Amino acid sequence: MPKLGLSENASPTNEEVVMITVKIDDKDLKKALKDLQARSLNTTSAMAGIASVMLASVEDNFRAEGRPRWAALKASTLAARAKAGKQGKILQRTSNLARSITPFHSRTIAGVGTNVPYAAAMNNGVKAHHKKVKSTGKKSKGKARKQHPGVVARPFMTLSNTAKSDIIQIMLLHISGKN
């Protein structure tokens, strides 16, 4: 079997030194790694795209009245709406909540949010509880309580599986430099 740097019959002695030099041209690899690092440090454009996908998913939740579909309105709610001459989809009687959803992003984060005070209660639900009410009599001294029936959770701040896949694709395209 041939040996590097030696003839077939020669063998190195203590006085002989065999030196092997391997030169690897890694300019392209270094450039690719440097580009990858730069793209991973500046994800602002990818985050903007992700925020848009998130907004579209939440808007779709309102249009579909939940995915999966939200619990139907109680008969008492439907009666109160009819009496007041109000109609509309679930969580959209005034559309304030649906219209309040806004996207945000920076170099490192993306999301959607709302400034509507009751949004968390609608999204997460509220257990039935006693609620303090302003008393009108002298004897009650502010201790009047009223039973609050609670709120059924109707999660609108969720992402569909398609949206999750789209977000992964946005990041993969961004990191690969194909965006």
Foldseek 3Di string as FASTA:
>chain_A
DDDPPDGPPDDDDPPDDDDDDDDDPCPVVVVLVVLLVVLLQFCQVLQVVLQVLLLVQLLVCQVQCHVVHFDDDDPVVVVVCVVVVFDDHVVPRPDQFNVQWDWDTDRPHTYIDGPDPCVCCQAVKFDWDWDFDADDDPVCVRVDIDIDHIYGHRHSSDGDPVSVVVSVVSVVCSSNVND
